Amino acid sequence: MASFVKAAKASELKSGDARVVEIEGKTYALFNVEGKFYSIDNTCVHRGGPLGEGFLDGTVVTCPWHAWQYEVTTGACKTNPTVAVACHATKVEGDDVLISV
């Protein structure tokens, strides 16, 4: 059963921000889209680029290595619709952003 683990402070991520977080040895990409938080696997399926270091435009993140794009709300790849990255439930409790792991 998945459990929620603290990933960041909500007050530290402004709208439009992205961040790489490590939880229990795994890295996740965390995004603030107009006050709503989303998390996907941090590794781009193309060449392993760090999605949490990418450019966020609305709900689409662009990998900083080769410009592959992903929908942060679902993990769907816009560049190659046959692949995706895992999407992880998030919630906010107080000022803590929690990710389901």
PDB file of N, CA and C in Angstrom:
ATOM      1  N   MET A   1       0.837  -1.179   0.000  1.00  0.00           N
ATOM      2  CA  MET A   1       0.000   0.000   0.000  1.00  0.00           C
ATOM      3  C   MET A   1       0.880   1.239   0.000  1.00  0.00           C
ATOM      4  N   ALA A   2       0.548   2.185  -0.832  1.00  0.00           N
ATOM      5  CA  ALA A   2       1.325   3.420  -0.946  1.00  0.00           C
ATOM      6  C   ALA A   2       1.106   4.287   0.286  1.00  0.00           C
ATOM      7  N   SER A   3       2.160   4.990   0.649  1.00  0.00           N
ATOM      8  CA  SER A   3       2.048   5.939   1.757  1.00  0.00           C
ATOM      9  C   SER A   3       2.529   7.300   1.276  1.00  0.00           C
ATOM     10  N   PHE A   4       2.066   8.339   1.946  1.00  0.00           N
ATOM     11  CA  PHE A   4       2.475   9.691   1.593  1.00  0.00           C
ATOM     12  C   PHE A   4       3.664  10.096   2.450  1.00  0.00           C
ATOM     13  N   VAL A   5       4.672  10.692   1.792  1.00  0.00           N
ATOM     14  CA  VAL A   5       5.906  11.099   2.451  1.00  0.00           C
ATOM     15  C   VAL A   5       6.161  12.573   2.121  1.00  0.00           C
ATOM     16  N   LYS A   6       6.651  13.317   3.112  1.00  0.00           N
ATOM     17  CA  LYS A   6       6.950  14.737   2.899  1.00  0.00           C
ATOM     18  C   LYS A   6       8.045  14.892   1.859  1.00  0.00           C
ATOM     19  N   ALA A   7       7.775  15.767   0.870  1.00  0.00           N
ATOM     20  CA  ALA A   7       8.735  16.002  -0.206  1.00  0.00           C
ATOM     21  C   ALA A   7       9.311  17.408  -0.167  1.00  0.00           C
ATOM     22  N   ALA A   8       8.523  18.378   0.287  1.00  0.00           N
ATOM     23  CA  ALA A   8       8.961  19.773   0.260  1.00  0.00           C
ATOM     24  C   ALA A   8       7.998  20.621   1.081  1.00  0.00           C
ATOM     25  N   LYS A   9       8.362  21.865   1.259  1.00  0.00           N
ATOM     26  CA  LYS A   9       7.476  22.866   1.854  1.00  0.00           C
ATOM     27  C   LYS A   9       6.775  23.596   0.717  1.00  0.00           C
ATOM     28  N   ALA A  10       5.468  23.692   0.775  1.00  0.00           N
ATOM     29  CA  ALA A  10       4.701  24.375  -0.267  1.00  0.00           C
ATOM     30  C   ALA A  10       5.167  25.822  -0.431  1.00  0.00           C
ATOM     31  N   SER A  11       5.526  26.461   0.662  1.00  0.00           N
ATOM     32  CA  SER A  11       5.942  27.864   0.606  1.00  0.00           C
ATOM     33  C   SER A  11       7.264  28.060  -0.126  1.00  0.00           C
ATOM     34  N   GLU A  12       8.021  26.993  -0.342  1.00  0.00           N
ATOM     35  CA  GLU A  12       9.312  27.078  -1.032  1.00  0.00           C
ATOM     36  C   GLU A  12       9.192  26.955  -2.543  1.00  0.00           C
ATOM     37  N   LEU A  13       8.019  26.546  -3.046  1.00  0.00           N
ATOM     38  CA  LEU A  13       7.818  26.388  -4.487  1.00  0.00           C
ATOM     39  C   LEU A  13       6.750  27.364  -4.961  1.00  0.00           C
ATOM     40  N   LYS A  14       7.174  28.359  -5.697  1.00  0.00           N
ATOM     41  CA  LYS A  14       6.222  29.310  -6.275  1.00  0.00           C
ATOM     42  C   LYS A  14       5.537  28.680  -7.481  1.00  0.00           C
ATOM     43  N   SER A  15       4.422  29.247  -7.869  1.00  0.00           N
ATOM     44  CA  SER A  15       3.725  28.759  -9.058  1.00  0.00           C
ATOM     45  C   SER A  15       4.673  28.798 -10.250  1.00  0.00           C
ATOM     46  N   GLY A  16       4.736  27.705 -10.986  1.00  0.00           N
ATOM     47  CA  GLY A  16       5.634  27.596 -12.133  1.00  0.00           C
ATOM     48  C   GLY A  16       6.975  26.972 -11.806  1.00  0.00           C
ATOM     49  N   ASP A  17       7.225  26.717 -10.520  1.00  0.00           N
ATOM     50  CA  ASP A  17       8.493  26.116 -10.108  1.00  0.00           C
ATOM     51  C   ASP A  17       8.474  24.603 -10.269  1.00  0.00           C
ATOM     52  N   ALA A  18       9.663  24.066 -10.497  1.00  0.00           N
ATOM     53  CA  ALA A  18       9.884  22.623 -10.550  1.00  0.00           C
ATOM     54  C   ALA A  18      11.043  22.307  -9.626  1.00  0.00           C
ATOM     55  N   ARG A  19      11.053  21.094  -9.108  1.00  0.00           N
ATOM     56  CA  ARG A  19      12.126  20.695  -8.197  1.00  0.00           C
ATOM     57  C   ARG A  19      12.319  19.187  -8.264  1.00  0.00           C
ATOM     58  N   VAL A  20      13.563  18.766  -8.101  1.00  0.00           N
ATOM     59  CA  VAL A  20      13.881  17.353  -7.953  1.00  0.00           C
ATOM     60  C   VAL A  20      13.918  17.061  -6.460  1.00  0.00           C
ATOM     61  N   VAL A  21      13.207  16.007  -6.037  1.00  0.00           N
ATOM     62  CA  VAL A  21      13.234  15.594  -4.637  1.00  0.00           C
ATOM     63  C   VAL A  21      13.601  14.116  -4.578  1.00  0.00           C
ATOM     64  N   GLU A  22      14.335  13.755  -3.548  1.00  0.00           N
ATOM     65  CA  GLU A  22      14.707  12.358  -3.353  1.00  0.00           C
ATOM     66  C   GLU A  22      14.008  11.834  -2.111  1.00  0.00           C
ATOM     67  N   ILE A  23      13.342  10.701  -2.275  1.00  0.00           N
ATOM     68  CA  ILE A  23      12.646  10.064  -1.171  1.00  0.00           C
ATOM     69  C   ILE A  23      12.984   8.577  -1.216  1.00  0.00           C
ATOM     70  N   GLU A  24      13.537   8.094  -0.120  1.00  0.00           N
ATOM     71  CA  GLU A  24      13.860   6.669   0.001  1.00  0.00           C
ATOM     72  C   GLU A  24      14.685   6.158  -1.184  1.00  0.00           C
ATOM     73  N   GLY A  25      15.644   6.969  -1.635  1.00  0.00           N
ATOM     74  CA  GLY A  25      16.554   6.564  -2.690  1.00  0.00           C
ATOM     75  C   GLY A  25      16.033   6.719  -4.108  1.00  0.00           C
ATOM     76  N   LYS A  26      14.823   7.223  -4.272  1.00  0.00           N
ATOM     77  CA  LYS A  26      14.247   7.424  -5.606  1.00  0.00           C
ATOM     78  C   LYS A  26      14.027   8.919  -5.821  1.00  0.00           C
ATOM     79  N   THR A  27      14.247   9.391  -7.060  1.00  0.00           N
ATOM     80  CA  THR A  27      14.040  10.808  -7.343  1.00  0.00           C
ATOM     81  C   THR A  27      12.703  11.019  -8.043  1.00  0.00           C
ATOM     82  N   TYR A  28      12.062  12.114  -7.661  1.00  0.00           N
ATOM     83  CA  TYR A  28      10.766  12.526  -8.204  1.00  0.00           C
ATOM     84  C   TYR A  28      10.888  13.959  -8.693  1.00  0.00           C
ATOM     85  N   ALA A  29      10.090  14.312  -9.680  1.00  0.00           N
ATOM     86  CA  ALA A  29       9.983  15.691 -10.125  1.00  0.00           C
ATOM     87  C   ALA A  29       8.698  16.245  -9.521  1.00  0.00           C
ATOM     88  N   LEU A  30       8.815  17.378  -8.860  1.00  0.00           N
ATOM     89  CA  LEU A  30       7.681  18.006  -8.182  1.00  0.00           C
ATOM     90  C   LEU A  30       7.430  19.363  -8.818  1.00  0.00           C
ATOM     91  N   PHE A  31       6.159  19.664  -9.093  1.00  0.00           N
ATOM     92  CA  PHE A  31       5.785  20.883  -9.800  1.00  0.00           C
ATOM     93  C   PHE A  31       4.666  21.609  -9.073  1.00  0.00           C
ATOM     94  N   ASN A  32       4.730  22.944  -9.102  1.00  0.00           N
ATOM     95  CA  ASN A  32       3.640  23.779  -8.600  1.00  0.00           C
ATOM     96  C   ASN A  32       3.000  24.445  -9.811  1.00  0.00           C
ATOM     97  N   VAL A  33       1.766  24.072 -10.108  1.00  0.00           N
ATOM     98  CA  VAL A  33       1.013  24.654 -11.215  1.00  0.00           C
ATOM     99  C   VAL A  33      -0.139  25.446 -10.612  1.00  0.00           C
ATOM    100  N   GLU A  34       0.056  26.750 -10.523  1.00  0.00           N
ATOM    101  CA  GLU A  34      -0.965  27.659  -9.986  1.00  0.00           C
ATOM    102  C   GLU A  34      -1.490  27.201  -8.631  1.00  0.00           C
ATOM    103  N   GLY A  35      -0.566  26.777  -7.758  1.00  0.00           N
ATOM    104  CA  GLY A  35      -0.920  26.388  -6.401  1.00  0.00           C
ATOM    105  C   GLY A  35      -1.312  24.935  -6.231  1.00  0.00           C
ATOM    106  N   LYS A  36      -1.390  24.188  -7.299  1.00  0.00           N
ATOM    107  CA  LYS A  36      -1.683  22.751  -7.219  1.00  0.00           C
ATOM    108  C   LYS A  36      -0.381  22.003  -7.512  1.00  0.00           C
ATOM    109  N   PHE A  37      -0.098  20.980  -6.727  1.00  0.00           N
ATOM    110  CA  PHE A  37       1.164  20.267  -6.840  1.00  0.00           C
ATOM    111  C   PHE A  37       0.990  18.933  -7.556  1.00  0.00           C
ATOM    112  N   TYR A  38       1.982  18.616  -8.400  1.00  0.00           N
ATOM    113  CA  TYR A  38       1.993  17.377  -9.170  1.00  0.00           C
ATOM    114  C   TYR A  38       3.373  16.754  -9.057  1.00  0.00           C
ATOM    115  N   SER A  39       3.416  15.430  -9.147  1.00  0.00           N
ATOM    116  CA  SER A  39       4.695  14.732  -9.110  1.00  0.00           C
ATOM    117  C   SER A  39       4.703  13.616 -10.151  1.00  0.00           C
ATOM    118  N   ILE A  40       5.814  13.524 -10.866  1.00  0.00           N
ATOM    119  CA  ILE A  40       6.051  12.449 -11.821  1.00  0.00           C
ATOM    120  C   ILE A  40       7.450  11.907 -11.573  1.00  0.00           C
ATOM    121  N   ASP A  41       7.743  10.746 -12.162  1.00  0.00           N
ATOM    122  CA  ASP A  41       9.116  10.247 -12.097  1.00  0.00           C
ATOM    123  C   ASP A  41      10.040  11.299 -12.683  1.00  0.00           C
ATOM    124  N   ASN A  42      11.221  11.409 -12.120  1.00  0.00           N
ATOM    125  CA  ASN A  42      12.153  12.451 -12.536  1.00  0.00           C
ATOM    126  C   ASN A  42      12.914  12.117 -13.818  1.00  0.00           C
ATOM    127  N   THR A  43      12.900  10.874 -14.252  1.00  0.00           N
ATOM    128  CA  THR A  43      13.750  10.447 -15.359  1.00  0.00           C
ATOM    129  C   THR A  43      13.001  10.411 -16.686  1.00  0.00           C
ATOM    130  N   CYS A  44      13.454  11.208 -17.643  1.00  0.00           N
ATOM    131  CA  CYS A  44      12.895  11.217 -18.995  1.00  0.00           C
ATOM    132  C   CYS A  44      13.156   9.867 -19.647  1.00  0.00           C
ATOM    133  N   VAL A  45      12.140   9.313 -20.308  1.00  0.00           N
ATOM    134  CA  VAL A  45      12.299   7.999 -20.926  1.00  0.00           C
ATOM    135  C   VAL A  45      13.192   8.036 -22.164  1.00  0.00           C
ATOM    136  N   HIS A  46      13.445   9.205 -22.708  1.00  0.00           N
ATOM    137  CA  HIS A  46      14.270   9.317 -23.915  1.00  0.00           C
ATOM    138  C   HIS A  46      15.729   8.988 -23.626  1.00  0.00           C
ATOM    139  N   ARG A  47      16.369   9.793 -22.787  1.00  0.00           N
ATOM    140  CA  ARG A  47      17.796   9.595 -22.481  1.00  0.00           C
ATOM    141  C   ARG A  47      18.109   9.815 -20.999  1.00  0.00           C
ATOM    142  N   GLY A  48      17.088   9.779 -20.155  1.00  0.00           N
ATOM    143  CA  GLY A  48      17.330   9.850 -18.712  1.00  0.00           C
ATOM    144  C   GLY A  48      17.492  11.240 -18.144  1.00  0.00           C
ATOM    145  N   GLY A  49      17.090  12.261 -18.874  1.00  0.00           N
ATOM    146  CA  GLY A  49      17.214  13.633 -18.385  1.00  0.00           C
ATOM    147  C   GLY A  49      16.386  13.876 -17.132  1.00  0.00           C
ATOM    148  N   PRO A  50      16.805  14.856 -16.307  1.00  0.00           N
ATOM    149  CA  PRO A  50      16.121  15.164 -15.052  1.00  0.00           C
ATOM    150  C   PRO A  50      14.919  16.094 -15.273  1.00  0.00           C
ATOM    151  N   LEU A  51      13.724  15.540 -15.279  1.00  0.00           N
ATOM    152  CA  LEU A  51      12.530  16.334 -15.581  1.00  0.00           C
ATOM    153  C   LEU A  51      12.283  17.438 -14.557  1.00  0.00           C
ATOM    154  N   GLY A  52      12.686  17.221 -13.323  1.00  0.00           N
ATOM    155  CA  GLY A  52      12.520  18.240 -12.292  1.00  0.00           C
ATOM    156  C   GLY A  52      13.405  19.456 -12.494  1.00  0.00           C
ATOM    157  N   GLU A  53      14.335  19.384 -13.440  1.00  0.00           N
ATOM    158  CA  GLU A  53      15.175  20.525 -13.786  1.00  0.00           C
ATOM    159  C   GLU A  53      14.720  21.154 -15.105  1.00  0.00           C
ATOM    160  N   GLY A  54      13.591  20.659 -15.622  1.00  0.00           N
ATOM    161  CA  GLY A  54      13.088  21.139 -16.907  1.00  0.00           C
ATOM    162  C   GLY A  54      12.322  22.440 -16.801  1.00  0.00           C
ATOM    163  N   PHE A  55      11.868  22.909 -17.954  1.00  0.00           N
ATOM    164  CA  PHE A  55      11.108  24.148 -18.064  1.00  0.00           C
ATOM    165  C   PHE A  55       9.619  23.819 -18.019  1.00  0.00           C
ATOM    166  N   LEU A  56       8.901  24.426 -17.078  1.00  0.00           N
ATOM    167  CA  LEU A  56       7.467  24.198 -16.922  1.00  0.00           C
ATOM    168  C   LEU A  56       6.691  25.310 -17.593  1.00  0.00           C
ATOM    169  N   ASP A  57       5.798  24.928 -18.509  1.00  0.00           N
ATOM    170  CA  ASP A  57       4.921  25.879 -19.195  1.00  0.00           C
ATOM    171  C   ASP A  57       3.493  25.370 -19.024  1.00  0.00           C
ATOM    172  N   GLY A  58       2.751  25.991 -18.131  1.00  0.00           N
ATOM    173  CA  GLY A  58       1.418  25.489 -17.808  1.00  0.00           C
ATOM    174  C   GLY A  58       1.562  24.158 -17.109  1.00  0.00           C
ATOM    175  N   THR A  59       0.999  23.101 -17.711  1.00  0.00           N
ATOM    176  CA  THR A  59       1.101  21.763 -17.125  1.00  0.00           C
ATOM    177  C   THR A  59       2.048  20.854 -17.917  1.00  0.00           C
ATOM    178  N   VAL A  60       2.875  21.456 -18.760  1.00  0.00           N
ATOM    179  CA  VAL A  60       3.810  20.677 -19.585  1.00  0.00           C
ATOM    180  C   VAL A  60       5.247  21.020 -19.189  1.00  0.00           C
ATOM    181  N   VAL A  61       6.025  19.969 -18.890  1.00  0.00           N
ATOM    182  CA  VAL A  61       7.435  20.159 -18.592  1.00  0.00           C
ATOM    183  C   VAL A  61       8.246  19.689 -19.794  1.00  0.00           C
ATOM    184  N   THR A  62       9.280  20.467 -20.111  1.00  0.00           N
ATOM    185  CA  THR A  62      10.186  20.117 -21.196  1.00  0.00           C
ATOM    186  C   THR A  62      11.509  19.666 -20.596  1.00  0.00           C
ATOM    187  N   CYS A  63      11.935  18.461 -20.956  1.00  0.00           N
ATOM    188  CA  CYS A  63      13.195  17.919 -20.462  1.00  0.00           C
ATOM    189  C   CYS A  63      14.345  18.837 -20.880  1.00  0.00           C
ATOM    190  N   PRO A  64      15.245  19.165 -19.952  1.00  0.00           N
ATOM    191  CA  PRO A  64      16.341  20.073 -20.279  1.00  0.00           C
ATOM    192  C   PRO A  64      17.398  19.471 -21.200  1.00  0.00           C
ATOM    193  N   TRP A  65      17.414  18.168 -21.392  1.00  0.00           N
ATOM    194  CA  TRP A  65      18.449  17.549 -22.219  1.00  0.00           C
ATOM    195  C   TRP A  65      18.100  17.535 -23.695  1.00  0.00           C
ATOM    196  N   HIS A  66      16.909  17.046 -24.060  1.00  0.00           N
ATOM    197  CA  HIS A  66      16.578  16.899 -25.482  1.00  0.00           C
ATOM    198  C   HIS A  66      15.179  17.378 -25.826  1.00  0.00           C
ATOM    199  N   ALA A  67      14.579  18.152 -24.945  1.00  0.00           N
ATOM    200  CA  ALA A  67      13.298  18.834 -25.185  1.00  0.00           C
ATOM    201  C   ALA A  67      12.087  17.917 -25.343  1.00  0.00           C
ATOM    202  N   TRP A  68      12.147  16.703 -24.817  1.00  0.00           N
ATOM    203  CA  TRP A  68      10.935  15.887 -24.792  1.00  0.00           C
ATOM    204  C   TRP A  68       9.978  16.520 -23.790  1.00  0.00           C
ATOM    205  N   GLN A  69       8.685  16.434 -24.074  1.00  0.00           N
ATOM    206  CA  GLN A  69       7.695  17.103 -23.234  1.00  0.00           C
ATOM    207  C   GLN A  69       6.741  16.097 -22.586  1.00  0.00           C
ATOM    208  N   TYR A  70       6.364  16.414 -21.337  1.00  0.00           N
ATOM    209  CA  TYR A  70       5.476  15.558 -20.549  1.00  0.00           C
ATOM    210  C   TYR A  70       4.394  16.399 -19.888  1.00  0.00           C
ATOM    211  N   GLU A  71       3.215  15.822 -19.809  1.00  0.00           N
ATOM    212  CA  GLU A  71       2.094  16.412 -19.085  1.00  0.00           C
ATOM    213  C   GLU A  71       2.285  16.051 -17.608  1.00  0.00           C
ATOM    214  N   VAL A  72       2.471  17.052 -16.747  1.00  0.00           N
ATOM    215  CA  VAL A  72       2.763  16.757 -15.342  1.00  0.00           C
ATOM    216  C   VAL A  72       1.548  16.231 -14.586  1.00  0.00           C
ATOM    217  N   THR A  73       0.356  16.434 -15.108  1.00  0.00           N
ATOM    218  CA  THR A  73      -0.855  15.956 -14.432  1.00  0.00           C
ATOM    219  C   THR A  73      -1.107  14.472 -14.652  1.00  0.00           C
ATOM    220  N   THR A  74      -0.498  13.894 -15.698  1.00  0.00           N
ATOM    221  CA  THR A  74      -0.748  12.490 -16.026  1.00  0.00           C
ATOM    222  C   THR A  74       0.520  11.677 -16.278  1.00  0.00           C
ATOM    223  N   GLY A  75       1.638  12.323 -16.573  1.00  0.00           N
ATOM    224  CA  GLY A  75       2.873  11.633 -16.942  1.00  0.00           C
ATOM    225  C   GLY A  75       2.959  11.298 -18.420  1.00  0.00           C
ATOM    226  N   ALA A  76       1.903  11.615 -19.191  1.00  0.00           N
ATOM    227  CA  ALA A  76       1.884  11.304 -20.625  1.00  0.00           C
ATOM    228  C   ALA A  76       2.958  12.100 -21.353  1.00  0.00           C
ATOM    229  N   CYS A  77       3.620  11.433 -22.296  1.00  0.00           N
ATOM    230  CA  CYS A  77       4.648  12.080 -23.096  1.00  0.00           C
ATOM    231  C   CYS A  77       4.004  12.690 -24.331  1.00  0.00           C
ATOM    232  N   LYS A  78       4.196  13.982 -24.510  1.00  0.00           N
ATOM    233  CA  LYS A  78       3.626  14.675 -25.665  1.00  0.00           C
ATOM    234  C   LYS A  78       4.496  14.473 -26.912  1.00  0.00           C
ATOM    235  N   THR A  79       5.778  14.217 -26.721  1.00  0.00           N
ATOM    236  CA  THR A  79       6.705  14.028 -27.831  1.00  0.00           C
ATOM    237  C   THR A  79       6.517  12.662 -28.482  1.00  0.00           C
ATOM    238  N   ASN A  80       6.315  11.655 -27.652  1.00  0.00           N
ATOM    239  CA  ASN A  80       6.111  10.283 -28.125  1.00  0.00           C
ATOM    240  C   ASN A  80       4.942   9.689 -27.329  1.00  0.00           C
ATOM    241  N   PRO A  81       3.726   9.751 -27.867  1.00  0.00           N
ATOM    242  CA  PRO A  81       2.537   9.317 -27.122  1.00  0.00           C
ATOM    243  C   PRO A  81       2.501   7.833 -26.762  1.00  0.00           C
ATOM    244  N   THR A  82       3.447   7.038 -27.228  1.00  0.00           N
ATOM    245  CA  THR A  82       3.454   5.614 -26.887  1.00  0.00           C
ATOM    246  C   THR A  82       4.142   5.339 -25.553  1.00  0.00           C
ATOM    247  N   VAL A  83       4.745   6.371 -24.934  1.00  0.00           N
ATOM    248  CA  VAL A  83       5.432   6.192 -23.653  1.00  0.00           C
ATOM    249  C   VAL A  83       4.932   7.218 -22.642  1.00  0.00           C
ATOM    250  N   ALA A  84       5.256   6.978 -21.390  1.00  0.00           N
ATOM    251  CA  ALA A  84       4.869   7.889 -20.311  1.00  0.00           C
ATOM    252  C   ALA A  84       5.801   7.659 -19.129  1.00  0.00           C
ATOM    253  N   VAL A  85       5.756   8.577 -18.181  1.00  0.00           N
ATOM    254  CA  VAL A  85       6.436   8.381 -16.900  1.00  0.00           C
ATOM    255  C   VAL A  85       5.348   8.232 -15.845  1.00  0.00           C
ATOM    256  N   ALA A  86       5.695   7.596 -14.738  1.00  0.00           N
ATOM    257  CA  ALA A  86       4.720   7.390 -13.671  1.00  0.00           C
ATOM    258  C   ALA A  86       4.343   8.726 -13.036  1.00  0.00           C
ATOM    259  N   CYS A  87       3.073   8.831 -12.707  1.00  0.00           N
ATOM    260  CA  CYS A  87       2.525  10.016 -12.043  1.00  0.00           C
ATOM    261  C   CYS A  87       2.196   9.605 -10.605  1.00  0.00           C
ATOM    262  N   HIS A  88       2.538  10.448  -9.636  1.00  0.00           N
ATOM    263  CA  HIS A  88       2.361  10.120  -8.228  1.00  0.00           C
ATOM    264  C   HIS A  88       1.404  11.102  -7.568  1.00  0.00           C
ATOM    265  N   ALA A  89       0.475  10.570  -6.799  1.00  0.00           N
ATOM    266  CA  ALA A  89      -0.482  11.419  -6.092  1.00  0.00           C
ATOM    267  C   ALA A  89       0.258  12.349  -5.142  1.00  0.00           C
ATOM    268  N   THR A  90      -0.240  13.569  -5.037  1.00  0.00           N
ATOM    269  CA  THR A  90       0.318  14.529  -4.095  1.00  0.00           C
ATOM    270  C   THR A  90      -0.814  15.123  -3.280  1.00  0.00           C
ATOM    271  N   LYS A  91      -0.458  15.621  -2.111  1.00  0.00           N
ATOM    272  CA  LYS A  91      -1.414  16.368  -1.308  1.00  0.00           C
ATOM    273  C   LYS A  91      -0.631  17.331  -0.431  1.00  0.00           C
ATOM    274  N   VAL A  92      -1.335  18.348   0.042  1.00  0.00           N
ATOM    275  CA  VAL A  92      -0.719  19.344   0.907  1.00  0.00           C
ATOM    276  C   VAL A  92      -1.386  19.265   2.274  1.00  0.00           C
ATOM    277  N   GLU A  93      -0.570  19.182   3.306  1.00  0.00           N
ATOM    278  CA  GLU A  93      -1.045  19.216   4.682  1.00  0.00           C
ATOM    279  C   GLU A  93      -0.292  20.328   5.385  1.00  0.00           C
ATOM    280  N   GLY A  94      -1.001  21.378   5.731  1.00  0.00           N
ATOM    281  CA  GLY A  94      -0.338  22.551   6.292  1.00  0.00           C
ATOM    282  C   GLY A  94       0.546  23.149   5.221  1.00  0.00           C
ATOM    283  N   ASP A  95       1.854  23.239   5.486  1.00  0.00           N
ATOM    284  CA  ASP A  95       2.807  23.742   4.502  1.00  0.00           C
ATOM    285  C   ASP A  95       3.622  22.612   3.863  1.00  0.00           C
ATOM    286  N   ASP A  96       3.282  21.364   4.196  1.00  0.00           N
ATOM    287  CA  ASP A  96       4.026  20.223   3.676  1.00  0.00           C
ATOM    288  C   ASP A  96       3.382  19.666   2.422  1.00  0.00           C
ATOM    289  N   VAL A  97       4.216  19.452   1.379  1.00  0.00           N
ATOM    290  CA  VAL A  97       3.772  18.777   0.172  1.00  0.00           C
ATOM    291  C   VAL A  97       4.172  17.314   0.335  1.00  0.00           C
ATOM    292  N   LEU A  98       3.194  16.427   0.208  1.00  0.00           N
ATOM    293  CA  LEU A  98       3.421  15.002   0.375  1.00  0.00           C
ATOM    294  C   LEU A  98       3.245  14.291  -0.952  1.00  0.00           C
ATOM    295  N   ILE A  99       4.090  13.294  -1.204  1.00  0.00           N
ATOM    296  CA  ILE A  99       4.031  12.490  -2.415  1.00  0.00           C
ATOM    297  C   ILE A  99       3.744  11.047  -2.025  1.00  0.00           C
ATOM    298  N   SER A 100       2.872  10.403  -2.791  1.00  0.00           N
ATOM    299  CA  SER A 100       2.582   8.991  -2.575  1.00  0.00           C
ATOM    300  C   SER A 100       3.724   8.159  -3.146  1.00  0.00           C
ATOM    301  N   VAL A 101       4.324   7.334  -2.297  1.00  0.00           N
ATOM    302  CA  VAL A 101       5.437   6.485  -2.731  1.00  0.00           C
ATOM    303  C   VAL A 101       5.100   5.015  -2.544  1.00  0.00           C
TER     304      VAL A 101
END
